[in-house]
PDB file of N, CA and C in Angstrom:
ATOM      1  N   MET A   1      14.505  27.015 -67.558  1.00  0.00           N
ATOM      2  CA  MET A   1      13.168  26.667 -67.131  1.00  0.00           C
ATOM      3  C   MET A   1      12.829  27.514 -65.912  1.00  0.00           C
ATOM      4  N   PRO A   2      11.710  28.221 -65.960  1.00  0.00           N
ATOM      5  CA  PRO A   2      11.344  29.020 -64.790  1.00  0.00           C
ATOM      6  C   PRO A   2      11.165  28.150 -63.544  1.00  0.00           C
ATOM      7  N   GLU A   3      11.738  28.563 -62.442  1.00  0.00           N
ATOM      8  CA  GLU A   3      11.650  27.827 -61.182  1.00  0.00           C
ATOM      9  C   GLU A   3      10.188  27.644 -60.754  1.00  0.00           C
ATOM     10  N   ARG A   4       9.320  28.626 -61.098  1.00  0.00           N
ATOM     11  CA  ARG A   4       7.922  28.559 -60.673  1.00  0.00           C
ATOM     12  C   ARG A   4       7.167  27.380 -61.278  1.00  0.00           C
ATOM     13  N   PHE A   5       7.697  26.772 -62.341  1.00  0.00           N
ATOM     14  CA  PHE A   5       7.058  25.575 -62.911  1.00  0.00           C
ATOM     15  C   PHE A   5       7.261  24.356 -62.015  1.00  0.00           C
ATOM     16  N   GLU A   6       8.252  24.406 -61.156  1.00  0.00           N
ATOM     17  CA  GLU A   6       8.538  23.348 -60.185  1.00  0.00           C
ATOM     18  C   GLU A   6       8.703  21.966 -60.814  1.00  0.00           C
ATOM     19  N   TYR A   7       9.256  21.913 -62.005  1.00  0.00           N
ATOM     20  CA  TYR A   7       9.477  20.618 -62.655  1.00  0.00           C
ATOM     21  C   TYR A   7      10.500  19.772 -61.908  1.00  0.00           C
ATOM     22  N   HIS A   8      11.342  20.396 -61.116  1.00  0.00           N
ATOM     23  CA  HIS A   8      12.322  19.630 -60.351  1.00  0.00           C
ATOM     24  C   HIS A   8      11.640  18.708 -59.342  1.00  0.00           C
ATOM     25  N   ARG A   9      10.391  18.986 -58.996  1.00  0.00           N
ATOM     26  CA  ARG A   9       9.647  18.170 -58.034  1.00  0.00           C
ATOM     27  C   ARG A   9       8.917  17.010 -58.693  1.00  0.00           C
ATOM     28  N   ASP A  10       8.805  17.004 -59.999  1.00  0.00           N
ATOM     29  CA  ASP A  10       7.991  16.011 -60.698  1.00  0.00           C
ATOM     30  C   ASP A  10       8.877  14.973 -61.380  1.00  0.00           C
ATOM     31  N   PRO A  11       8.838  13.728 -60.914  1.00  0.00           N
ATOM     32  CA  PRO A  11       9.677  12.705 -61.538  1.00  0.00           C
ATOM     33  C   PRO A  11       9.240  12.375 -62.970  1.00  0.00           C
ATOM     34  N   ARG A  12       8.037  12.797 -63.364  1.00  0.00           N
ATOM     35  CA  ARG A  12       7.555  12.527 -64.724  1.00  0.00           C
ATOM     36  C   ARG A  12       8.010  13.569 -65.726  1.00  0.00           C
ATOM     37  N   ALA A  13       8.590  14.673 -65.264  1.00  0.00           N
ATOM     38  CA  ALA A  13       9.060  15.706 -66.194  1.00  0.00           C
ATOM     39  C   ALA A  13      10.214  15.141 -67.008  1.00  0.00           C
ATOM     40  N   GLY A  14      10.179  15.379 -68.296  1.00  0.00           N
ATOM     41  CA  GLY A  14      11.202  14.836 -69.181  1.00  0.00           C
ATOM     42  C   GLY A  14      12.505  15.601 -69.118  1.00  0.00           C
ATOM     43  N   ASP A  15      13.495  15.066 -69.809  1.00  0.00           N
ATOM     44  CA  ASP A  15      14.794  15.732 -69.890  1.00  0.00           C
ATOM     45  C   ASP A  15      14.711  16.995 -70.725  1.00  0.00           C
ATOM     46  N   ILE A  16      13.795  17.015 -71.678  1.00  0.00           N
ATOM     47  CA  ILE A  16      13.607  18.188 -72.530  1.00  0.00           C
ATOM     48  C   ILE A  16      12.184  18.693 -72.333  1.00  0.00           C
ATOM     49  N   VAL A  17      12.058  19.953 -71.965  1.00  0.00           N
ATOM     50  CA  VAL A  17      10.753  20.587 -71.795  1.00  0.00           C
ATOM     51  C   VAL A  17      10.758  21.844 -72.649  1.00  0.00           C
ATOM     52  N   ILE A  18       9.750  21.988 -73.483  1.00  0.00           N
ATOM     53  CA  ILE A  18       9.661  23.145 -74.373  1.00  0.00           C
ATOM     54  C   ILE A  18       8.508  24.019 -73.920  1.00  0.00           C
ATOM     55  N   VAL A  19       8.773  25.295 -73.720  1.00  0.00           N
ATOM     56  CA  VAL A  19       7.742  26.262 -73.367  1.00  0.00           C
ATOM     57  C   VAL A  19       7.629  27.217 -74.548  1.00  0.00           C
ATOM     58  N   MET A  20       6.529  27.118 -75.273  1.00  0.00           N
ATOM     59  CA  MET A  20       6.343  27.919 -76.487  1.00  0.00           C
ATOM     60  C   MET A  20       5.924  29.348 -76.136  1.00  0.00           C
ATOM     61  N   ASP A  21       6.355  30.285 -76.946  1.00  0.00           N
ATOM     62  CA  ASP A  21       5.839  31.646 -76.833  1.00  0.00           C
ATOM     63  C   ASP A  21       4.374  31.630 -77.230  1.00  0.00           C
ATOM     64  N   ALA A  22       3.602  32.576 -76.712  1.00  0.00           N
ATOM     65  CA  ALA A  22       2.171  32.645 -77.009  1.00  0.00           C
ATOM     66  C   ALA A  22       1.942  32.655 -78.510  1.00  0.00           C
ATOM     67  N   SER A  23       0.959  31.932 -78.931  1.00  0.00           N
ATOM     68  CA  SER A  23       0.464  31.777 -80.297  1.00  0.00           C
ATOM     69  C   SER A  23       1.292  30.818 -81.140  1.00  0.00           C
ATOM     70  N   TRP A  24       2.441  30.348 -80.669  1.00  0.00           N
ATOM     71  CA  TRP A  24       3.214  29.352 -81.400  1.00  0.00           C
ATOM     72  C   TRP A  24       2.768  27.960 -80.993  1.00  0.00           C
ATOM     73  N   LEU A  25       2.885  27.027 -81.909  1.00  0.00           N
ATOM     74  CA  LEU A  25       2.463  25.656 -81.668  1.00  0.00           C
ATOM     75  C   LEU A  25       3.472  24.713 -82.293  1.00  0.00           C
ATOM     76  N   MET A  26       3.915  23.734 -81.549  1.00  0.00           N
ATOM     77  CA  MET A  26       4.808  22.715 -82.087  1.00  0.00           C
ATOM     78  C   MET A  26       3.951  21.539 -82.514  1.00  0.00           C
ATOM     79  N   VAL A  27       4.131  21.095 -83.734  1.00  0.00           N
ATOM     80  CA  VAL A  27       3.314  20.019 -84.281  1.00  0.00           C
ATOM     81  C   VAL A  27       4.225  18.962 -84.882  1.00  0.00           C
ATOM     82  N   THR A  28       3.914  17.725 -84.611  1.00  0.00           N
ATOM     83  CA  THR A  28       4.585  16.619 -85.279  1.00  0.00           C
ATOM     84  C   THR A  28       3.505  15.741 -85.869  1.00  0.00           C
ATOM     85  N   SER A  29       3.834  15.040 -86.907  1.00  0.00           N
ATOM     86  CA  SER A  29       2.844  14.133 -87.487  1.00  0.00           C
ATOM     87  C   SER A  29       3.098  12.740 -86.948  1.00  0.00           C
ATOM     88  N   ARG A  30       2.058  12.019 -86.739  1.00  0.00           N
ATOM     89  CA  ARG A  30       2.144  10.649 -86.238  1.00  0.00           C
ATOM     90  C   ARG A  30       1.803   9.723 -87.391  1.00  0.00           C
ATOM     91  N   PRO A  31       2.670   8.795 -87.725  1.00  0.00           N
ATOM     92  CA  PRO A  31       2.365   7.909 -88.845  1.00  0.00           C
ATOM     93  C   PRO A  31       1.140   7.047 -88.565  1.00  0.00           C
ATOM     94  N   SER A  32       0.357   6.814 -89.591  1.00  0.00           N
ATOM     95  CA  SER A  32      -0.799   5.936 -89.439  1.00  0.00           C
ATOM     96  C   SER A  32      -0.320   4.495 -89.462  1.00  0.00           C
ATOM     97  N   SER A  33      -1.211   3.561 -89.182  1.00  0.00           N
ATOM     98  CA  SER A  33      -0.832   2.151 -89.162  1.00  0.00           C
ATOM     99  C   SER A  33      -0.372   1.679 -90.539  1.00  0.00           C
ATOM    100  N   SER A  34      -0.809   2.361 -91.593  1.00  0.00           N
ATOM    101  CA  SER A  34      -0.392   1.975 -92.946  1.00  0.00           C
ATOM    102  C   SER A  34       0.958   2.578 -93.313  1.00  0.00           C
ATOM    103  N   GLY A  35       1.504   3.438 -92.437  1.00  0.00           N
ATOM    104  CA  GLY A  35       2.777   4.076 -92.730  1.00  0.00           C
ATOM    105  C   GLY A  35       2.627   5.402 -93.448  1.00  0.00           C
ATOM    106  N   ALA A  36       1.396   5.733 -93.860  1.00  0.00           N
ATOM    107  CA  ALA A  36       1.165   7.011 -94.547  1.00  0.00           C
ATOM    108  C   ALA A  36       1.168   8.137 -93.526  1.00  0.00           C
ATOM    109  N   LYS A  37       1.501   9.325 -93.966  1.00  0.00           N
ATOM    110  CA  LYS A  37       1.511  10.479 -93.066  1.00  0.00           C
ATOM    111  C   LYS A  37       0.106  10.704 -92.513  1.00  0.00           C
ATOM    112  N   ASP A  38       0.049  10.964 -91.223  1.00  0.00           N
ATOM    113  CA  ASP A  38      -1.222  11.240 -90.548  1.00  0.00           C
ATOM    114  C   ASP A  38      -1.624  12.672 -90.864  1.00  0.00           C
ATOM    115  N   ASP A  39      -2.638  12.852 -91.670  1.00  0.00           N
ATOM    116  CA  ASP A  39      -3.043  14.213 -92.034  1.00  0.00           C
ATOM    117  C   ASP A  39      -4.387  14.587 -91.421  1.00  0.00           C
ATOM    118  N   ARG A  40      -4.704  13.965 -90.265  1.00  0.00           N
ATOM    119  CA  ARG A  40      -5.959  14.293 -89.590  1.00  0.00           C
ATOM    120  C   ARG A  40      -5.863  15.587 -88.802  1.00  0.00           C
ATOM    121  N   GLY A  41      -4.689  16.189 -88.745  1.00  0.00           N
ATOM    122  CA  GLY A  41      -4.541  17.463 -88.052  1.00  0.00           C
ATOM    123  C   GLY A  41      -4.481  17.352 -86.546  1.00  0.00           C
ATOM    124  N   GLU A  42      -4.141  16.167 -86.027  1.00  0.00           N
ATOM    125  CA  GLU A  42      -4.074  16.000 -84.582  1.00  0.00           C
ATOM    126  C   GLU A  42      -2.787  16.611 -84.043  1.00  0.00           C
ATOM    127  N   HIS A  43      -2.876  17.258 -82.896  1.00  0.00           N
ATOM    128  CA  HIS A  43      -1.721  17.873 -82.248  1.00  0.00           C
ATOM    129  C   HIS A  43      -1.510  17.143 -80.928  1.00  0.00           C
ATOM    130  N   TRP A  44      -0.453  16.381 -80.829  1.00  0.00           N
ATOM    131  CA  TRP A  44      -0.211  15.560 -79.649  1.00  0.00           C
ATOM    132  C   TRP A  44       0.528  16.363 -78.589  1.00  0.00           C
ATOM    133  N   GLY A  45       0.076  16.299 -77.343  1.00  0.00           N
ATOM    134  CA  GLY A  45       0.750  16.954 -76.240  1.00  0.00           C
ATOM    135  C   GLY A  45       0.494  18.445 -76.145  1.00  0.00           C
ATOM    136  N   GLN A  46      -0.556  18.919 -76.758  1.00  0.00           N
ATOM    137  CA  GLN A  46      -0.852  20.352 -76.716  1.00  0.00           C
ATOM    138  C   GLN A  46      -1.544  20.692 -75.403  1.00  0.00           C
ATOM    139  N   HIS A  47      -0.895  21.519 -74.590  1.00  0.00           N
ATOM    140  CA  HIS A  47      -1.465  21.890 -73.296  1.00  0.00           C
ATOM    141  C   HIS A  47      -1.494  23.394 -73.080  1.00  0.00           C
ATOM    142  N   GLY A  48      -1.270  24.183 -74.083  1.00  0.00           N
ATOM    143  CA  GLY A  48      -1.279  25.627 -73.905  1.00  0.00           C
ATOM    144  C   GLY A  48       0.108  26.183 -73.700  1.00  0.00           C
ATOM    145  N   TRP A  49       0.153  27.403 -73.224  1.00  0.00           N
ATOM    146  CA  TRP A  49       1.414  28.114 -73.083  1.00  0.00           C
ATOM    147  C   TRP A  49       1.669  28.433 -71.620  1.00  0.00           C
ATOM    148  N   ASP A  50       2.644  29.266 -71.405  1.00  0.00           N
ATOM    149  CA  ASP A  50       3.000  29.715 -70.059  1.00  0.00           C
ATOM    150  C   ASP A  50       1.744  30.270 -69.370  1.00  0.00           C
ATOM    151  N   ASN A  51       1.488  29.807 -68.153  1.00  0.00           N
ATOM    152  CA  ASN A  51       0.246  30.214 -67.472  1.00  0.00           C
ATOM    153  C   ASN A  51       0.234  31.668 -67.023  1.00  0.00           C
ATOM    154  N   THR A  52       1.313  32.415 -67.223  1.00  0.00           N
ATOM    155  CA  THR A  52       1.289  33.842 -66.892  1.00  0.00           C
ATOM    156  C   THR A  52       0.780  34.687 -68.052  1.00  0.00           C
ATOM    157  N   TYR A  53       0.633  34.095 -69.245  1.00  0.00           N
ATOM    158  CA  TYR A  53       0.118  34.857 -70.392  1.00  0.00           C
ATOM    159  C   TYR A  53      -1.368  35.147 -70.187  1.00  0.00           C
ATOM    160  N   PRO A  54      -1.806  36.374 -70.431  1.00  0.00           N
ATOM    161  CA  PRO A  54      -3.233  36.694 -70.269  1.00  0.00           C
ATOM    162  C   PRO A  54      -4.156  35.787 -71.092  1.00  0.00           C
ATOM    163  N   ALA A  55      -3.708  35.334 -72.255  1.00  0.00           N
ATOM    164  CA  ALA A  55      -4.536  34.462 -73.100  1.00  0.00           C
ATOM    165  C   ALA A  55      -4.802  33.106 -72.447  1.00  0.00           C
ATOM    166  N   MET A  56      -4.044  32.746 -71.430  1.00  0.00           N
ATOM    167  CA  MET A  56      -4.223  31.462 -70.763  1.00  0.00           C
ATOM    168  C   MET A  56      -5.235  31.541 -69.615  1.00  0.00           C
ATOM    169  N   ARG A  57      -5.793  32.692 -69.379  1.00  0.00           N
ATOM    170  CA  ARG A  57      -6.777  32.828 -68.301  1.00  0.00           C
ATOM    171  C   ARG A  57      -8.131  32.294 -68.758  1.00  0.00           C
ATOM    172  N   ALA A  58      -8.906  31.838 -67.794  1.00  0.00           N
ATOM    173  CA  ALA A  58     -10.229  31.302 -68.088  1.00  0.00           C
ATOM    174  C   ALA A  58     -11.197  31.785 -67.012  1.00  0.00           C
ATOM    175  N   ALA A  59     -12.466  31.628 -67.275  1.00  0.00           N
ATOM    176  CA  ALA A  59     -13.484  31.987 -66.291  1.00  0.00           C
ATOM    177  C   ALA A  59     -13.598  30.873 -65.253  1.00  0.00           C
ATOM    178  N   PHE A  60     -13.854  31.253 -64.024  1.00  0.00           N
ATOM    179  CA  PHE A  60     -14.127  30.290 -62.959  1.00  0.00           C
ATOM    180  C   PHE A  60     -15.562  30.517 -62.522  1.00  0.00           C
ATOM    181  N   LEU A  61     -16.400  29.533 -62.737  1.00  0.00           N
ATOM    182  CA  LEU A  61     -17.822  29.635 -62.422  1.00  0.00           C
ATOM    183  C   LEU A  61     -18.198  28.432 -61.574  1.00  0.00           C
ATOM    184  N   VAL A  62     -18.857  28.682 -60.469  1.00  0.00           N
ATOM    185  CA  VAL A  62     -19.271  27.598 -59.593  1.00  0.00           C
ATOM    186  C   VAL A  62     -20.658  27.925 -59.038  1.00  0.00           C
ATOM    187  N   MET A  63     -21.478  26.890 -58.896  1.00  0.00           N
ATOM    188  CA  MET A  63     -22.790  27.085 -58.289  1.00  0.00           C
ATOM    189  C   MET A  63     -23.182  25.817 -57.550  1.00  0.00           C
ATOM    190  N   GLY A  64     -24.032  25.966 -56.588  1.00  0.00           N
ATOM    191  CA  GLY A  64     -24.492  24.829 -55.811  1.00  0.00           C
ATOM    192  C   GLY A  64     -25.160  25.311 -54.544  1.00  0.00           C
ATOM    193  N   PRO A  65     -25.684  24.380 -53.752  1.00  0.00           N
ATOM    194  CA  PRO A  65     -26.446  24.777 -52.559  1.00  0.00           C
ATOM    195  C   PRO A  65     -25.617  25.514 -51.516  1.00  0.00           C
ATOM    196  N   ASP A  66     -24.304  25.302 -51.471  1.00  0.00           N
ATOM    197  CA  ASP A  66     -23.463  25.967 -50.476  1.00  0.00           C
ATOM    198  C   ASP A  66     -22.735  27.190 -51.028  1.00  0.00           C
ATOM    199  N   ILE A  67     -23.067  27.606 -52.237  1.00  0.00           N
ATOM    200  CA  ILE A  67     -22.396  28.739 -52.875  1.00  0.00           C
ATOM    201  C   ILE A  67     -23.309  29.960 -52.826  1.00  0.00           C
ATOM    202  N   ARG A  68     -22.761  31.106 -52.414  1.00  0.00           N
ATOM    203  CA  ARG A  68     -23.542  32.341 -52.349  1.00  0.00           C
ATOM    204  C   ARG A  68     -23.873  32.819 -53.763  1.00  0.00           C
ATOM    205  N   PRO A  69     -25.141  32.990 -54.108  1.00  0.00           N
ATOM    206  CA  PRO A  69     -25.500  33.480 -55.443  1.00  0.00           C
ATOM    207  C   PRO A  69     -24.937  34.883 -55.672  1.00  0.00           C
ATOM    208  N   GLY A  70     -24.352  35.098 -56.828  1.00  0.00           N
ATOM    209  CA  GLY A  70     -23.840  36.406 -57.193  1.00  0.00           C
ATOM    210  C   GLY A  70     -22.512  36.776 -56.570  1.00  0.00           C
ATOM    211  N   ALA A  71     -21.918  35.885 -55.788  1.00  0.00           N
ATOM    212  CA  ALA A  71     -20.634  36.186 -55.145  1.00  0.00           C
ATOM    213  C   ALA A  71     -19.532  36.245 -56.199  1.00  0.00           C
ATOM    214  N   LEU A  72     -18.601  37.144 -56.006  1.00  0.00           N
ATOM    215  CA  LEU A  72     -17.476  37.298 -56.924  1.00  0.00           C
ATOM    216  C   LEU A  72     -16.168  37.166 -56.154  1.00  0.00           C
ATOM    217  N   VAL A  73     -15.190  36.583 -56.799  1.00  0.00           N
ATOM    218  CA  VAL A  73     -13.840  36.512 -56.240  1.00  0.00           C
ATOM    219  C   VAL A  73     -12.878  37.025 -57.298  1.00  0.00           C
ATOM    220  N   GLY A  74     -11.682  37.344 -56.863  1.00  0.00           N
ATOM    221  CA  GLY A  74     -10.645  37.769 -57.797  1.00  0.00           C
ATOM    222  C   GLY A  74     -10.091  36.568 -58.546  1.00  0.00           C
ATOM    223  N   GLU A  75      -8.878  36.722 -59.011  1.00  0.00           N
ATOM    224  CA  GLU A  75      -8.237  35.662 -59.778  1.00  0.00           C
ATOM    225  C   GLU A  75      -8.128  34.385 -58.950  1.00  0.00           C
ATOM    226  N   VAL A  76      -8.437  33.255 -59.584  1.00  0.00           N
ATOM    227  CA  VAL A  76      -8.404  31.943 -58.938  1.00  0.00           C
ATOM    228  C   VAL A  76      -7.303  31.113 -59.588  1.00  0.00           C
ATOM    229  N   ASN A  77      -6.434  30.545 -58.775  1.00  0.00           N
ATOM    230  CA  ASN A  77      -5.420  29.627 -59.294  1.00  0.00           C
ATOM    231  C   ASN A  77      -6.009  28.224 -59.347  1.00  0.00           C
ATOM    232  N   ASN A  78      -5.764  27.502 -60.428  1.00  0.00           N
ATOM    233  CA  ASN A  78      -6.314  26.152 -60.581  1.00  0.00           C
ATOM    234  C   ASN A  78      -5.968  25.245 -59.409  1.00  0.00           C
ATOM    235  N   VAL A  79      -4.772  25.382 -58.856  1.00  0.00           N
ATOM    236  CA  VAL A  79      -4.368  24.506 -57.758  1.00  0.00           C
ATOM    237  C   VAL A  79      -5.190  24.740 -56.496  1.00  0.00           C
ATOM    238  N   ASP A  80      -5.897  25.855 -56.406  1.00  0.00           N
ATOM    239  CA  ASP A  80      -6.719  26.144 -55.232  1.00  0.00           C
ATOM    240  C   ASP A  80      -8.151  25.621 -55.362  1.00  0.00           C
ATOM    241  N   VAL A  81      -8.522  25.090 -56.533  1.00  0.00           N
ATOM    242  CA  VAL A  81      -9.881  24.574 -56.724  1.00  0.00           C
ATOM    243  C   VAL A  81     -10.080  23.286 -55.923  1.00  0.00           C
ATOM    244  N   TYR A  82      -9.106  22.387 -55.954  1.00  0.00           N
ATOM    245  CA  TYR A  82      -9.233  21.132 -55.202  1.00  0.00           C
ATOM    246  C   TYR A  82      -9.437  21.372 -53.701  1.00  0.00           C
ATOM    247  N   PRO A  83      -8.606  22.195 -53.044  1.00  0.00           N
ATOM    248  CA  PRO A  83      -8.868  22.446 -51.621  1.00  0.00           C
ATOM    249  C   PRO A  83     -10.230  23.089 -51.379  1.00  0.00           C
ATOM    250  N   PHE A  84     -10.668  23.945 -52.298  1.00  0.00           N
ATOM    251  CA  PHE A  84     -11.993  24.566 -52.193  1.00  0.00           C
ATOM    252  C   PHE A  84     -13.085  23.492 -52.220  1.00  0.00           C
ATOM    253  N   LEU A  85     -12.965  22.549 -53.140  1.00  0.00           N
ATOM    254  CA  LEU A  85     -13.963  21.483 -53.231  1.00  0.00           C
ATOM    255  C   LEU A  85     -13.966  20.611 -51.979  1.00  0.00           C
ATOM    256  N   THR A  86     -12.797  20.332 -51.424  1.00  0.00           N
ATOM    257  CA  THR A  86     -12.775  19.540 -50.193  1.00  0.00           C
ATOM    258  C   THR A  86     -13.418  20.303 -49.041  1.00  0.00           C
ATOM    259  N   GLU A  87     -13.272  21.626 -49.036  1.00  0.00           N
ATOM    260  CA  GLU A  87     -13.903  22.432 -47.984  1.00  0.00           C
ATOM    261  C   GLU A  87     -15.417  22.363 -48.065  1.00  0.00           C
ATOM    262  N   ILE A  88     -15.985  22.546 -49.266  1.00  0.00           N
ATOM    263  CA  ILE A  88     -17.447  22.547 -49.346  1.00  0.00           C
ATOM    264  C   ILE A  88     -18.030  21.142 -49.214  1.00  0.00           C
ATOM    265  N   LEU A  89     -17.224  20.106 -49.496  1.00  0.00           N
ATOM    266  CA  LEU A  89     -17.693  18.735 -49.317  1.00  0.00           C
ATOM    267  C   LEU A  89     -17.432  18.216 -47.905  1.00  0.00           C
ATOM    268  N   GLY A  90     -16.654  18.970 -47.128  1.00  0.00           N
ATOM    269  CA  GLY A  90     -16.372  18.571 -45.758  1.00  0.00           C
ATOM    270  C   GLY A  90     -15.460  17.361 -45.659  1.00  0.00           C
ATOM    271  N   ILE A  91     -14.530  17.220 -46.593  1.00  0.00           N
ATOM    272  CA  ILE A  91     -13.591  16.096 -46.549  1.00  0.00           C
ATOM    273  C   ILE A  91     -12.163  16.619 -46.408  1.00  0.00           C
ATOM    274  N   GLU A  92     -11.300  15.771 -45.931  1.00  0.00           N
ATOM    275  CA  GLU A  92      -9.897  16.132 -45.709  1.00  0.00           C
ATOM    276  C   GLU A  92      -9.137  16.059 -47.035  1.00  0.00           C
ATOM    277  N   PRO A  93      -8.429  17.135 -47.413  1.00  0.00           N
ATOM    278  CA  PRO A  93      -7.644  17.081 -48.652  1.00  0.00           C
ATOM    279  C   PRO A  93      -6.421  16.179 -48.499  1.00  0.00           C
ATOM    280  N   ALA A  94      -5.932  15.700 -49.617  1.00  0.00           N
ATOM    281  CA  ALA A  94      -4.706  14.900 -49.604  1.00  0.00           C
ATOM    282  C   ALA A  94      -3.555  15.758 -49.067  1.00  0.00           C
ATOM    283  N   PRO A  95      -2.576  15.140 -48.430  1.00  0.00           N
ATOM    284  CA  PRO A  95      -1.432  15.917 -47.922  1.00  0.00           C
ATOM    285  C   PRO A  95      -0.507  16.352 -49.055  1.00  0.00           C
ATOM    286  N   ASP A  96       0.288  17.365 -48.796  1.00  0.00           N
ATOM    287  CA  ASP A  96       1.341  17.815 -49.715  1.00  0.00           C
ATOM    288  C   ASP A  96       0.838  18.219 -51.094  1.00  0.00           C
ATOM    289  N   ILE A  97      -0.274  18.951 -51.138  1.00  0.00           N
ATOM    290  CA  ILE A  97      -0.770  19.451 -52.420  1.00  0.00           C
ATOM    291  C   ILE A  97      -0.244  20.860 -52.642  1.00  0.00           C
ATOM    292  N   ASP A  98      -0.295  21.316 -53.884  1.00  0.00           N
ATOM    293  CA  ASP A  98       0.179  22.662 -54.199  1.00  0.00           C
ATOM    294  C   ASP A  98      -0.846  23.731 -53.815  1.00  0.00           C
ATOM    295  N   GLY A  99      -2.135  23.399 -53.847  1.00  0.00           N
ATOM    296  CA  GLY A  99      -3.176  24.382 -53.568  1.00  0.00           C
ATOM    297  C   GLY A  99      -3.283  24.725 -52.099  1.00  0.00           C
ATOM    298  N   ARG A 100      -3.984  25.845 -51.853  1.00  0.00           N
ATOM    299  CA  ARG A 100      -4.169  26.328 -50.485  1.00  0.00           C
ATOM    300  C   ARG A 100      -5.653  26.419 -50.164  1.00  0.00           C
ATOM    301  N   GLY A 101      -6.040  25.924 -49.031  1.00  0.00           N
ATOM    302  CA  GLY A 101      -7.412  26.036 -48.580  1.00  0.00           C
ATOM    303  C   GLY A 101      -7.730  27.459 -48.148  1.00  0.00           C
ATOM    304  N   GLY A 102      -9.005  27.817 -48.162  1.00  0.00           N
ATOM    305  CA  GLY A 102      -9.429  29.122 -47.700  1.00  0.00           C
ATOM    306  C   GLY A 102      -9.316  30.235 -48.716  1.00  0.00           C
ATOM    307  N   VAL A 103      -8.716  29.974 -49.860  1.00  0.00           N
ATOM    308  CA  VAL A 103      -8.491  31.016 -50.856  1.00  0.00           C
ATOM    309  C   VAL A 103      -9.790  31.415 -51.567  1.00  0.00           C
ATOM    310  N   ILE A 104     -10.648  30.448 -51.853  1.00  0.00           N
ATOM    311  CA  ILE A 104     -11.877  30.714 -52.605  1.00  0.00           C
ATOM    312  C   ILE A 104     -13.091  30.666 -51.669  1.00  0.00           C
ATOM    313  N   SER A 105     -12.890  30.491 -50.401  1.00  0.00           N
ATOM    314  CA  SER A 105     -13.996  30.231 -49.468  1.00  0.00           C
ATOM    315  C   SER A 105     -14.962  31.401 -49.295  1.00  0.00           C
ATOM    316  N   SER A 106     -14.631  32.586 -49.812  1.00  0.00           N
ATOM    317  CA  SER A 106     -15.595  33.688 -49.714  1.00  0.00           C
ATOM    318  C   SER A 106     -16.851  33.423 -50.541  1.00  0.00           C
ATOM    319  N   LEU A 107     -16.820  32.421 -51.406  1.00  0.00           N
ATOM    320  CA  LEU A 107     -17.989  32.051 -52.201  1.00  0.00           C
ATOM    321  C   LEU A 107     -18.986  31.216 -51.423  1.00  0.00           C
ATOM    322  N   VAL A 108     -18.543  30.650 -50.322  1.00  0.00           N
ATOM    323  CA  VAL A 108     -19.374  29.689 -49.563  1.00  0.00           C
ATOM    324  C   VAL A 108     -20.329  30.422 -48.645  1.00  0.00           C
ATOM    325  N   ARG A 109     -21.575  29.942 -48.604  1.00  0.00           N
ATOM    326  CA  ARG A 109     -22.555  30.494 -47.666  1.00  0.00           C
ATOM    327  C   ARG A 109     -22.128  30.185 -46.257  1.00  0.00           C
ATOM    328  N   ARG A 110     -22.310  31.112 -45.385  1.00  0.00           N
ATOM    329  CA  ARG A 110     -21.969  30.910 -43.956  1.00  0.00           C
ATOM    330  C   ARG A 110     -23.198  30.763 -43.145  1.00  0.00           C
TER     331      ARG A 110
END
């Protein structure tokens, strides 16, 4: 398990953790209440792949009265969104979070 996943810090992490290669999907069927095979095509526990894969990237778009129109930032880590929101709302972030304040603040009007 890559150390960067920091599962050792999470008491909810299971004894077995599977990290699929990009484009692979693990699927199990869940029996219906009648005992028949569930063929609705539901995929339980699907959360994507390793976050370093380019296919796992997404757009970050934000707008509001305190955001500079047309401002651009580089890559944004999801863990830095929460501290960013606390900054523009003027509230104190929870202690011991993974994100860092000030990372996305170039978007804020001064």
